[in-house]
C-alpha atoms as a PDB file:
ATOM      1  CA  MET A   1     -38.827 -94.193  73.319  1.00  0.00           C
ATOM      2  CA  ALA A   2     -39.089 -91.309  76.134  1.00  0.00           C
ATOM      3  CA  ASN A   3     -35.082 -91.416  75.680  1.00  0.00           C
ATOM      4  CA  ASP A   4     -35.087 -90.613  72.213  1.00  0.00           C
ATOM      5  CA  LYS A   5     -37.593 -87.931  72.521  1.00  0.00           C
ATOM      6  CA  LEU A   6     -35.272 -86.215  74.809  1.00  0.00           C
ATOM      7  CA  ALA A   7     -32.054 -87.010  72.822  1.00  0.00           C
ATOM      8  CA  GLU A   8     -34.267 -85.347  70.239  1.00  0.00           C
ATOM      9  CA  GLN A   9     -35.214 -82.466  71.902  1.00  0.00           C
ATOM     10  CA  SER A  10     -31.648 -81.883  73.487  1.00  0.00           C
ATOM     11  CA  MET A  11     -30.291 -81.613  69.781  1.00  0.00           C
ATOM     12  CA  ASP A  12     -33.012 -79.151  69.142  1.00  0.00           C
ATOM     13  CA  PHE A  13     -31.942 -76.894  72.008  1.00  0.00           C
ATOM     14  CA  ALA A  14     -28.298 -76.914  71.266  1.00  0.00           C
ATOM     15  CA  VAL A  15     -29.093 -75.866  67.862  1.00  0.00           C
ATOM     16  CA  GLN A  16     -31.193 -73.064  68.297  1.00  0.00           C
ATOM     17  CA  ILE A  17     -28.247 -72.052  71.312  1.00  0.00           C
ATOM     18  CA  ILE A  18     -25.824 -72.028  68.087  1.00  0.00           C
ATOM     19  CA  ASN A  19     -27.946 -69.997  66.542  1.00  0.00           C
ATOM     20  CA  LEU A  20     -28.329 -67.632  68.955  1.00  0.00           C
ATOM     21  CA  VAL A  21     -24.445 -67.476  69.947  1.00  0.00           C
ATOM     22  CA  LYS A  22     -23.900 -66.759  65.959  1.00  0.00           C
ATOM     23  CA  GLN A  23     -26.378 -64.258  66.236  1.00  0.00           C
ATOM     24  CA  LEU A  24     -24.760 -62.340  69.427  1.00  0.00           C
ATOM     25  CA  LYS A  25     -21.667 -62.577  67.369  1.00  0.00           C
ATOM     26  CA  GLU A  26     -22.596 -60.860  64.605  1.00  0.00           C
ATOM     27  CA  GLN A  27     -23.362 -57.984  67.185  1.00  0.00           C
ATOM     28  CA  ARG A  28     -20.485 -58.039  68.721  1.00  0.00           C
ATOM     29  CA  GLU A  29     -22.038 -59.363  72.053  1.00  0.00           C
ATOM     30  CA  SER A  30     -18.969 -61.115  72.340  1.00  0.00           C
ATOM     31  CA  ILE A  31     -19.009 -61.802  76.338  1.00  0.00           C
ATOM     32  CA  ILE A  32     -22.709 -62.982  76.870  1.00  0.00           C
ATOM     33  CA  SER A  33     -22.325 -65.333  73.565  1.00  0.00           C
ATOM     34  CA  ASN A  34     -19.224 -67.374  74.862  1.00  0.00           C
ATOM     35  CA  GLN A  35     -21.076 -67.682  78.455  1.00  0.00           C
ATOM     36  CA  ILE A  36     -24.478 -68.885  76.798  1.00  0.00           C
ATOM     37  CA  GLY A  37     -22.863 -70.801  74.070  1.00  0.00           C
ATOM     38  CA  ARG A  38     -20.936 -72.572  76.743  1.00  0.00           C
ATOM     39  CA  SER A  39     -23.963 -73.296  79.743  1.00  0.00           C
ATOM     40  CA  GLY A  40     -26.380 -73.704  76.879  1.00  0.00           C
ATOM     41  CA  ASN A  41     -24.193 -76.686  74.985  1.00  0.00           C
ATOM     42  CA  ARG A  42     -23.466 -78.643  77.998  1.00  0.00           C
ATOM     43  CA  CYS A  43     -25.600 -81.706  78.153  1.00  0.00           C
ATOM     44  CA  GLU A  44     -24.894 -84.967  79.615  1.00  0.00           C
ATOM     45  CA  TYR A  45     -25.773 -88.419  78.925  1.00  0.00           C
ATOM     46  CA  SER A  46     -25.807 -91.052  81.001  1.00  0.00           C
END
């Protein structure tokens, strides 16, 4: 049950990161958006 909650929260966080990256790219902030996109969506499941 807790694993499902963690997976849900991880997915929500990833979606928020993707939306942030899109906004930054629209503002021509490509360097920071690339770094945030790489580090913010790095989720590993065991």
